[in-house]
Amino acid sequence: KRTLMLAGWFIAVKLAAMPLVALVLVRVLELPPVPAQIVVAYAALPTAPAAYILASRMGGDGAFVAMLISMTLIASALALPFWIALV
């Protein structure tokens, strides 16, 4: 249960909080539409697969990281269009 809560927290930060902060910064800086979409989309990307290699090589929990990567990849299919549409 605690692992799922931790995963949920990581996913919420990665796919909700980070794009929200990027969106606020884009609005504050008054960026043009295309650069604004790029910034927000970049913030909403899923976790990089290289994180698994780093976690495994450095003695971390590779299985947990692999699960996070998979979950953020699936969830970002919904998050990316949402955040890009908001820009």
PDB file of N, CA and C in Angstrom:
ATOM      1  N   LYS A   1       0.826  -1.193   0.000  1.00  0.00           N
ATOM      2  CA  LYS A   1       0.000   0.000   0.000  1.00  0.00           C
ATOM      3  C   LYS A   1       0.868   1.254   0.000  1.00  0.00           C
ATOM      4  N   ARG A   2       1.891   1.258   0.832  1.00  0.00           N
ATOM      5  CA  ARG A   2       2.761   2.430   0.901  1.00  0.00           C
ATOM      6  C   ARG A   2       3.486   2.664  -0.421  1.00  0.00           C
ATOM      7  N   THR A   3       3.856   1.581  -1.092  1.00  0.00           N
ATOM      8  CA  THR A   3       4.532   1.691  -2.385  1.00  0.00           C
ATOM      9  C   THR A   3       3.617   2.323  -3.421  1.00  0.00           C
ATOM     10  N   LEU A   4       2.346   1.932  -3.411  1.00  0.00           N
ATOM     11  CA  LEU A   4       1.398   2.526  -4.355  1.00  0.00           C
ATOM     12  C   LEU A   4       1.154   3.997  -4.056  1.00  0.00           C
ATOM     13  N   MET A   5       1.127   4.349  -2.778  1.00  0.00           N
ATOM     14  CA  MET A   5       0.962   5.761  -2.415  1.00  0.00           C
ATOM     15  C   MET A   5       2.172   6.580  -2.871  1.00  0.00           C
ATOM     16  N   LEU A   6       3.352   6.023  -2.708  1.00  0.00           N
ATOM     17  CA  LEU A   6       4.571   6.699  -3.141  1.00  0.00           C
ATOM     18  C   LEU A   6       4.582   6.852  -4.661  1.00  0.00           C
ATOM     19  N   ALA A   7       4.198   5.800  -5.359  1.00  0.00           N
ATOM     20  CA  ALA A   7       4.125   5.860  -6.820  1.00  0.00           C
ATOM     21  C   ALA A   7       3.105   6.899  -7.261  1.00  0.00           C
ATOM     22  N   GLY A   8       1.960   6.929  -6.598  1.00  0.00           N
ATOM     23  CA  GLY A   8       0.944   7.930  -6.921  1.00  0.00           C
ATOM     24  C   GLY A   8       1.447   9.349  -6.713  1.00  0.00           C
ATOM     25  N   TRP A   9       2.212   9.547  -5.642  1.00  0.00           N
ATOM     26  CA  TRP A   9       2.788  10.865  -5.375  1.00  0.00           C
ATOM     27  C   TRP A   9       3.763  11.260  -6.480  1.00  0.00           C
ATOM     28  N   PHE A  10       4.658  10.351  -6.844  1.00  0.00           N
ATOM     29  CA  PHE A  10       5.631  10.642  -7.900  1.00  0.00           C
ATOM     30  C   PHE A  10       4.936  10.959  -9.221  1.00  0.00           C
ATOM     31  N   ILE A  11       3.928  10.183  -9.546  1.00  0.00           N
ATOM     32  CA  ILE A  11       3.218  10.391 -10.807  1.00  0.00           C
ATOM     33  C   ILE A  11       2.456  11.714 -10.783  1.00  0.00           C
ATOM     34  N   ALA A  12       1.838  12.042  -9.663  1.00  0.00           N
ATOM     35  CA  ALA A  12       1.112  13.314  -9.550  1.00  0.00           C
ATOM     36  C   ALA A  12       2.055  14.501  -9.701  1.00  0.00           C
ATOM     37  N   VAL A  13       3.219  14.402  -9.091  1.00  0.00           N
ATOM     38  CA  VAL A  13       4.187  15.495  -9.214  1.00  0.00           C
ATOM     39  C   VAL A  13       4.679  15.600 -10.651  1.00  0.00           C
ATOM     40  N   LYS A  14       5.006  14.458 -11.247  1.00  0.00           N
ATOM     41  CA  LYS A  14       5.588  14.465 -12.596  1.00  0.00           C
ATOM     42  C   LYS A  14       4.587  14.903 -13.655  1.00  0.00           C
ATOM     43  N   LEU A  15       3.344  14.436 -13.567  1.00  0.00           N
ATOM     44  CA  LEU A  15       2.393  14.694 -14.645  1.00  0.00           C
ATOM     45  C   LEU A  15       1.354  15.766 -14.333  1.00  0.00           C
ATOM     46  N   ALA A  16       1.329  16.265 -13.104  1.00  0.00           N
ATOM     47  CA  ALA A  16       0.365  17.319 -12.764  1.00  0.00           C
ATOM     48  C   ALA A  16       1.051  18.571 -12.235  1.00  0.00           C
ATOM     49  N   ALA A  17       1.888  18.424 -11.218  1.00  0.00           N
ATOM     50  CA  ALA A  17       2.502  19.598 -10.593  1.00  0.00           C
ATOM     51  C   ALA A  17       3.533  20.267 -11.505  1.00  0.00           C
ATOM     52  N   MET A  18       4.408  19.471 -12.102  1.00  0.00           N
ATOM     53  CA  MET A  18       5.439  20.069 -12.958  1.00  0.00           C
ATOM     54  C   MET A  18       4.843  20.802 -14.166  1.00  0.00           C
ATOM     55  N   PRO A  19       3.880  20.210 -14.885  1.00  0.00           N
ATOM     56  CA  PRO A  19       3.276  20.959 -15.991  1.00  0.00           C
ATOM     57  C   PRO A  19       2.509  22.196 -15.523  1.00  0.00           C
ATOM     58  N   LEU A  20       1.902  22.114 -14.335  1.00  0.00           N
ATOM     59  CA  LEU A  20       1.190  23.276 -13.803  1.00  0.00           C
ATOM     60  C   LEU A  20       2.155  24.423 -13.517  1.00  0.00           C
ATOM     61  N   VAL A  21       3.289  24.114 -12.919  1.00  0.00           N
ATOM     62  CA  VAL A  21       4.305  25.140 -12.669  1.00  0.00           C
ATOM     63  C   VAL A  21       4.806  25.713 -13.998  1.00  0.00           C
ATOM     64  N   ALA A  22       5.032  24.845 -14.979  1.00  0.00           N
ATOM     65  CA  ALA A  22       5.474  25.309 -16.296  1.00  0.00           C
ATOM     66  C   ALA A  22       4.422  26.210 -16.930  1.00  0.00           C
ATOM     67  N   LEU A  23       3.154  25.843 -16.808  1.00  0.00           N
ATOM     68  CA  LEU A  23       2.077  26.658 -17.372  1.00  0.00           C
ATOM     69  C   LEU A  23       2.021  28.030 -16.717  1.00  0.00           C
ATOM     70  N   VAL A  24       2.174  28.071 -15.416  1.00  0.00           N
ATOM     71  CA  VAL A  24       2.174  29.355 -14.707  1.00  0.00           C
ATOM     72  C   VAL A  24       3.354  30.211 -15.163  1.00  0.00           C
ATOM     73  N   LEU A  25       4.526  29.607 -15.269  1.00  0.00           N
ATOM     74  CA  LEU A  25       5.703  30.359 -15.721  1.00  0.00           C
ATOM     75  C   LEU A  25       5.542  30.865 -17.153  1.00  0.00           C
ATOM     76  N   VAL A  26       4.953  30.047 -17.998  1.00  0.00           N
ATOM     77  CA  VAL A  26       4.720  30.450 -19.387  1.00  0.00           C
ATOM     78  C   VAL A  26       3.792  31.657 -19.443  1.00  0.00           C
ATOM     79  N   ARG A  27       2.763  31.636 -18.609  1.00  0.00           N
ATOM     80  CA  ARG A  27       1.816  32.760 -18.575  1.00  0.00           C
ATOM     81  C   ARG A  27       2.469  34.010 -17.994  1.00  0.00           C
ATOM     82  N   VAL A  28       3.272  33.836 -16.936  1.00  0.00           N
ATOM     83  CA  VAL A  28       3.939  34.982 -16.312  1.00  0.00           C
ATOM     84  C   VAL A  28       4.937  35.609 -17.281  1.00  0.00           C
ATOM     85  N   LEU A  29       5.670  34.759 -17.995  1.00  0.00           N
ATOM     86  CA  LEU A  29       6.680  35.251 -18.937  1.00  0.00           C
ATOM     87  C   LEU A  29       6.091  35.674 -20.277  1.00  0.00           C
ATOM     88  N   GLU A  30       4.803  35.408 -20.474  1.00  0.00           N
ATOM     89  CA  GLU A  30       4.094  35.774 -21.708  1.00  0.00           C
ATOM     90  C   GLU A  30       4.792  35.248 -22.954  1.00  0.00           C
ATOM     91  N   LEU A  31       5.114  33.968 -22.932  1.00  0.00           N
ATOM     92  CA  LEU A  31       5.746  33.343 -24.089  1.00  0.00           C
ATOM     93  C   LEU A  31       4.755  33.204 -25.238  1.00  0.00           C
ATOM     94  N   PRO A  32       5.241  33.234 -26.464  1.00  0.00           N
ATOM     95  CA  PRO A  32       4.356  32.981 -27.610  1.00  0.00           C
ATOM     96  C   PRO A  32       3.809  31.547 -27.554  1.00  0.00           C
ATOM     97  N   PRO A  33       2.744  31.258 -28.293  1.00  0.00           N
ATOM     98  CA  PRO A  33       2.078  29.954 -28.173  1.00  0.00           C
ATOM     99  C   PRO A  33       2.962  28.721 -28.413  1.00  0.00           C
ATOM    100  N   VAL A  34       3.755  28.708 -29.470  1.00  0.00           N
ATOM    101  CA  VAL A  34       4.542  27.504 -29.770  1.00  0.00           C
ATOM    102  C   VAL A  34       5.615  27.246 -28.712  1.00  0.00           C
ATOM    103  N   PRO A  35       6.435  28.226 -28.345  1.00  0.00           N
ATOM    104  CA  PRO A  35       7.384  27.966 -27.263  1.00  0.00           C
ATOM    105  C   PRO A  35       6.694  27.595 -25.947  1.00  0.00           C
ATOM    106  N   ALA A  36       5.540  28.190 -25.689  1.00  0.00           N
ATOM    107  CA  ALA A  36       4.795  27.864 -24.475  1.00  0.00           C
ATOM    108  C   ALA A  36       4.356  26.405 -24.489  1.00  0.00           C
ATOM    109  N   GLN A  37       3.867  25.928 -25.635  1.00  0.00           N
ATOM    110  CA  GLN A  37       3.464  24.526 -25.742  1.00  0.00           C
ATOM    111  C   GLN A  37       4.651  23.587 -25.560  1.00  0.00           C
ATOM    112  N   ILE A  38       5.799  23.972 -26.085  1.00  0.00           N
ATOM    113  CA  ILE A  38       6.997  23.144 -25.947  1.00  0.00           C
ATOM    114  C   ILE A  38       7.404  23.039 -24.481  1.00  0.00           C
ATOM    115  N   VAL A  39       7.393  24.147 -23.770  1.00  0.00           N
ATOM    116  CA  VAL A  39       7.790  24.152 -22.356  1.00  0.00           C
ATOM    117  C   VAL A  39       6.843  23.289 -21.534  1.00  0.00           C
ATOM    118  N   VAL A  40       5.548  23.464 -21.729  1.00  0.00           N
ATOM    119  CA  VAL A  40       4.569  22.703 -20.952  1.00  0.00           C
ATOM    120  C   VAL A  40       4.615  21.222 -21.332  1.00  0.00           C
ATOM    121  N   ALA A  41       4.753  20.924 -22.610  1.00  0.00           N
ATOM    122  CA  ALA A  41       4.834  19.523 -23.041  1.00  0.00           C
ATOM    123  C   ALA A  41       6.082  18.852 -22.473  1.00  0.00           C
ATOM    124  N   TYR A  42       7.180  19.558 -22.462  1.00  0.00           N
ATOM    125  CA  TYR A  42       8.409  18.999 -21.910  1.00  0.00           C
ATOM    126  C   TYR A  42       8.249  18.684 -20.425  1.00  0.00           C
ATOM    127  N   ALA A  43       7.540  19.532 -19.709  1.00  0.00           N
ATOM    128  CA  ALA A  43       7.321  19.319 -18.278  1.00  0.00           C
ATOM    129  C   ALA A  43       6.385  18.132 -18.032  1.00  0.00           C
ATOM    130  N   ALA A  44       5.540  17.790 -19.009  1.00  0.00           N
ATOM    131  CA  ALA A  44       4.564  16.712 -18.840  1.00  0.00           C
ATOM    132  C   ALA A  44       5.024  15.382 -19.434  1.00  0.00           C
ATOM    133  N   LEU A  45       6.266  15.305 -19.869  1.00  0.00           N
ATOM    134  CA  LEU A  45       6.764  14.048 -20.434  1.00  0.00           C
ATOM    135  C   LEU A  45       6.895  12.981 -19.356  1.00  0.00           C
ATOM    136  N   PRO A  46       6.784  11.704 -19.759  1.00  0.00           N
ATOM    137  CA  PRO A  46       6.942  10.623 -18.769  1.00  0.00           C
ATOM    138  C   PRO A  46       8.387  10.519 -18.291  1.00  0.00           C
ATOM    139  N   THR A  47       8.560   9.769 -17.225  1.00  0.00           N
ATOM    140  CA  THR A  47       9.894   9.551 -16.669  1.00  0.00           C
ATOM    141  C   THR A  47      10.784   8.878 -17.701  1.00  0.00           C
ATOM    142  N   ALA A  48      12.023   9.297 -17.784  1.00  0.00           N
ATOM    143  CA  ALA A  48      12.958   8.753 -18.773  1.00  0.00           C
ATOM    144  C   ALA A  48      13.324   7.309 -18.442  1.00  0.00           C
ATOM    145  N   PRO A  49      13.361   6.426 -19.453  1.00  0.00           N
ATOM    146  CA  PRO A  49      13.744   5.033 -19.224  1.00  0.00           C
ATOM    147  C   PRO A  49      15.165   4.868 -18.675  1.00  0.00           C
ATOM    148  N   ALA A  50      16.010   5.855 -18.882  1.00  0.00           N
ATOM    149  CA  ALA A  50      17.371   5.778 -18.345  1.00  0.00           C
ATOM    150  C   ALA A  50      17.373   5.733 -16.822  1.00  0.00           C
ATOM    151  N   ALA A  51      16.287   6.150 -16.194  1.00  0.00           N
ATOM    152  CA  ALA A  51      16.187   6.097 -14.735  1.00  0.00           C
ATOM    153  C   ALA A  51      16.286   4.660 -14.236  1.00  0.00           C
ATOM    154  N   TYR A  52      15.771   3.715 -15.012  1.00  0.00           N
ATOM    155  CA  TYR A  52      15.847   2.306 -14.613  1.00  0.00           C
ATOM    156  C   TYR A  52      17.297   1.835 -14.563  1.00  0.00           C
ATOM    157  N   ILE A  53      18.051   2.184 -15.571  1.00  0.00           N
ATOM    158  CA  ILE A  53      19.461   1.777 -15.627  1.00  0.00           C
ATOM    159  C   ILE A  53      20.229   2.396 -14.464  1.00  0.00           C
ATOM    160  N   LEU A  54      19.986   3.678 -14.217  1.00  0.00           N
ATOM    161  CA  LEU A  54      20.651   4.337 -13.099  1.00  0.00           C
ATOM    162  C   LEU A  54      20.284   3.694 -11.770  1.00  0.00           C
ATOM    163  N   ALA A  55      19.004   3.432 -11.575  1.00  0.00           N
ATOM    164  CA  ALA A  55      18.565   2.828 -10.315  1.00  0.00           C
ATOM    165  C   ALA A  55      19.167   1.441 -10.141  1.00  0.00           C
ATOM    166  N   SER A  56      19.164   0.646 -11.186  1.00  0.00           N
ATOM    167  CA  SER A  56      19.699  -0.714 -11.090  1.00  0.00           C
ATOM    168  C   SER A  56      21.201  -0.710 -10.827  1.00  0.00           C
ATOM    169  N   ARG A  57      21.922   0.119 -11.537  1.00  0.00           N
ATOM    170  CA  ARG A  57      23.382   0.165 -11.397  1.00  0.00           C
ATOM    171  C   ARG A  57      23.833   0.727 -10.059  1.00  0.00           C
ATOM    172  N   MET A  58      23.008   1.588  -9.476  1.00  0.00           N
ATOM    173  CA  MET A  58      23.406   2.236  -8.224  1.00  0.00           C
ATOM    174  C   MET A  58      22.777   1.574  -6.997  1.00  0.00           C
ATOM    175  N   GLY A  59      22.213   0.376  -7.174  1.00  0.00           N
ATOM    176  CA  GLY A  59      21.686  -0.376  -6.056  1.00  0.00           C
ATOM    177  C   GLY A  59      20.294   0.017  -5.621  1.00  0.00           C
ATOM    178  N   GLY A  60      19.581   0.738  -6.467  1.00  0.00           N
ATOM    179  CA  GLY A  60      18.218   1.144  -6.130  1.00  0.00           C
ATOM    180  C   GLY A  60      17.210   0.059  -6.448  1.00  0.00           C
ATOM    181  N   ASP A  61      15.957   0.379  -6.275  1.00  0.00           N
ATOM    182  CA  ASP A  61      14.863  -0.563  -6.527  1.00  0.00           C
ATOM    183  C   ASP A  61      14.467  -0.486  -8.007  1.00  0.00           C
ATOM    184  N   GLY A  62      15.126  -1.309  -8.818  1.00  0.00           N
ATOM    185  CA  GLY A  62      14.882  -1.291 -10.257  1.00  0.00           C
ATOM    186  C   GLY A  62      13.456  -1.630 -10.625  1.00  0.00           C
ATOM    187  N   ALA A  63      12.846  -2.567  -9.911  1.00  0.00           N
ATOM    188  CA  ALA A  63      11.470  -2.957 -10.217  1.00  0.00           C
ATOM    189  C   ALA A  63      10.502  -1.798  -9.968  1.00  0.00           C
ATOM    190  N   PHE A  64      10.718  -1.068  -8.889  1.00  0.00           N
ATOM    191  CA  PHE A  64       9.857   0.078  -8.583  1.00  0.00           C
ATOM    192  C   PHE A  64      10.014   1.159  -9.643  1.00  0.00           C
ATOM    193  N   VAL A  65      11.233   1.414 -10.036  1.00  0.00           N
ATOM    194  CA  VAL A  65      11.485   2.430 -11.061  1.00  0.00           C
ATOM    195  C   VAL A  65      10.879   2.001 -12.396  1.00  0.00           C
ATOM    196  N   ALA A  66      10.991   0.726 -12.732  1.00  0.00           N
ATOM    197  CA  ALA A  66      10.387   0.233 -13.969  1.00  0.00           C
ATOM    198  C   ALA A  66       8.873   0.415 -13.943  1.00  0.00           C
ATOM    199  N   MET A  67       8.257   0.150 -12.785  1.00  0.00           N
ATOM    200  CA  MET A  67       6.818   0.352 -12.644  1.00  0.00           C
ATOM    201  C   MET A  67       6.466   1.830 -12.802  1.00  0.00           C
ATOM    202  N   LEU A  68       7.261   2.712 -12.201  1.00  0.00           N
ATOM    203  CA  LEU A  68       7.015   4.151 -12.340  1.00  0.00           C
ATOM    204  C   LEU A  68       7.116   4.597 -13.795  1.00  0.00           C
ATOM    205  N   ILE A  69       8.124   4.106 -14.474  1.00  0.00           N
ATOM    206  CA  ILE A  69       8.306   4.467 -15.886  1.00  0.00           C
ATOM    207  C   ILE A  69       7.099   4.014 -16.693  1.00  0.00           C
ATOM    208  N   SER A  70       6.665   2.788 -16.468  1.00  0.00           N
ATOM    209  CA  SER A  70       5.512   2.257 -17.207  1.00  0.00           C
ATOM    210  C   SER A  70       4.242   3.045 -16.896  1.00  0.00           C
ATOM    211  N   MET A  71       4.027   3.345 -15.628  1.00  0.00           N
ATOM    212  CA  MET A  71       2.807   4.071 -15.246  1.00  0.00           C
ATOM    213  C   MET A  71       2.811   5.500 -15.777  1.00  0.00           C
ATOM    214  N   THR A  72       3.952   6.173 -15.722  1.00  0.00           N
ATOM    215  CA  THR A  72       3.987   7.549 -16.242  1.00  0.00           C
ATOM    216  C   THR A  72       3.858   7.560 -17.765  1.00  0.00           C
ATOM    217  N   LEU A  73       4.370   6.526 -18.420  1.00  0.00           N
ATOM    218  CA  LEU A  73       4.232   6.447 -19.877  1.00  0.00           C
ATOM    219  C   LEU A  73       2.759   6.318 -20.261  1.00  0.00           C
ATOM    220  N   ILE A  74       2.041   5.451 -19.570  1.00  0.00           N
ATOM    221  CA  ILE A  74       0.620   5.254 -19.860  1.00  0.00           C
ATOM    222  C   ILE A  74      -0.183   6.508 -19.489  1.00  0.00           C
ATOM    223  N   ALA A  75       0.079   7.056 -18.315  1.00  0.00           N
ATOM    224  CA  ALA A  75      -0.677   8.235 -17.863  1.00  0.00           C
ATOM    225  C   ALA A  75      -0.375   9.469 -18.705  1.00  0.00           C
ATOM    226  N   SER A  76       0.834   9.559 -19.238  1.00  0.00           N
ATOM    227  CA  SER A  76       1.175  10.736 -20.040  1.00  0.00           C
ATOM    228  C   SER A  76       0.426  10.756 -21.367  1.00  0.00           C
ATOM    229  N   ALA A  77      -0.086   9.610 -21.804  1.00  0.00           N
ATOM    230  CA  ALA A  77      -0.904   9.586 -23.024  1.00  0.00           C
ATOM    231  C   ALA A  77      -2.162  10.439 -22.838  1.00  0.00           C
ATOM    232  N   LEU A  78      -2.617  10.540 -21.606  1.00  0.00           N
ATOM    233  CA  LEU A  78      -3.763  11.411 -21.308  1.00  0.00           C
ATOM    234  C   LEU A  78      -3.322  12.801 -20.874  1.00  0.00           C
ATOM    235  N   ALA A  79      -2.221  12.873 -20.146  1.00  0.00           N
ATOM    236  CA  ALA A  79      -1.771  14.154 -19.595  1.00  0.00           C
ATOM    237  C   ALA A  79      -1.232  15.101 -20.668  1.00  0.00           C
ATOM    238  N   LEU A  80      -0.452  14.589 -21.599  1.00  0.00           N
ATOM    239  CA  LEU A  80       0.158  15.467 -22.608  1.00  0.00           C
ATOM    240  C   LEU A  80      -0.883  16.234 -23.431  1.00  0.00           C
ATOM    241  N   PRO A  81      -1.871  15.572 -24.023  1.00  0.00           N
ATOM    242  CA  PRO A  81      -2.872  16.354 -24.781  1.00  0.00           C
ATOM    243  C   PRO A  81      -3.624  17.359 -23.909  1.00  0.00           C
ATOM    244  N   PHE A  82      -3.895  16.981 -22.659  1.00  0.00           N
ATOM    245  CA  PHE A  82      -4.587  17.884 -21.742  1.00  0.00           C
ATOM    246  C   PHE A  82      -3.772  19.159 -21.514  1.00  0.00           C
ATOM    247  N   TRP A  83      -2.499  19.010 -21.174  1.00  0.00           N
ATOM    248  CA  TRP A  83      -1.685  20.178 -20.880  1.00  0.00           C
ATOM    249  C   TRP A  83      -1.407  21.017 -22.102  1.00  0.00           C
ATOM    250  N   ILE A  84      -1.209  20.383 -23.241  1.00  0.00           N
ATOM    251  CA  ILE A  84      -0.983  21.148 -24.475  1.00  0.00           C
ATOM    252  C   ILE A  84      -2.230  21.939 -24.850  1.00  0.00           C
ATOM    253  N   ALA A  85      -3.391  21.346 -24.635  1.00  0.00           N
ATOM    254  CA  ALA A  85      -4.647  22.050 -24.943  1.00  0.00           C
ATOM    255  C   ALA A  85      -4.853  23.247 -24.030  1.00  0.00           C
ATOM    256  N   LEU A  86      -4.343  23.182 -22.803  1.00  0.00           N
ATOM    257  CA  LEU A  86      -4.498  24.316 -21.880  1.00  0.00           C
ATOM    258  C   LEU A  86      -3.652  25.514 -22.264  1.00  0.00           C
ATOM    259  N   VAL A  87      -2.591  25.281 -22.984  1.00  0.00           N
ATOM    260  CA  VAL A  87      -1.691  26.400 -23.334  1.00  0.00           C
ATOM    261  C   VAL A  87      -2.370  27.228 -24.335  1.00  0.00           C
TER     262      VAL A  87
END
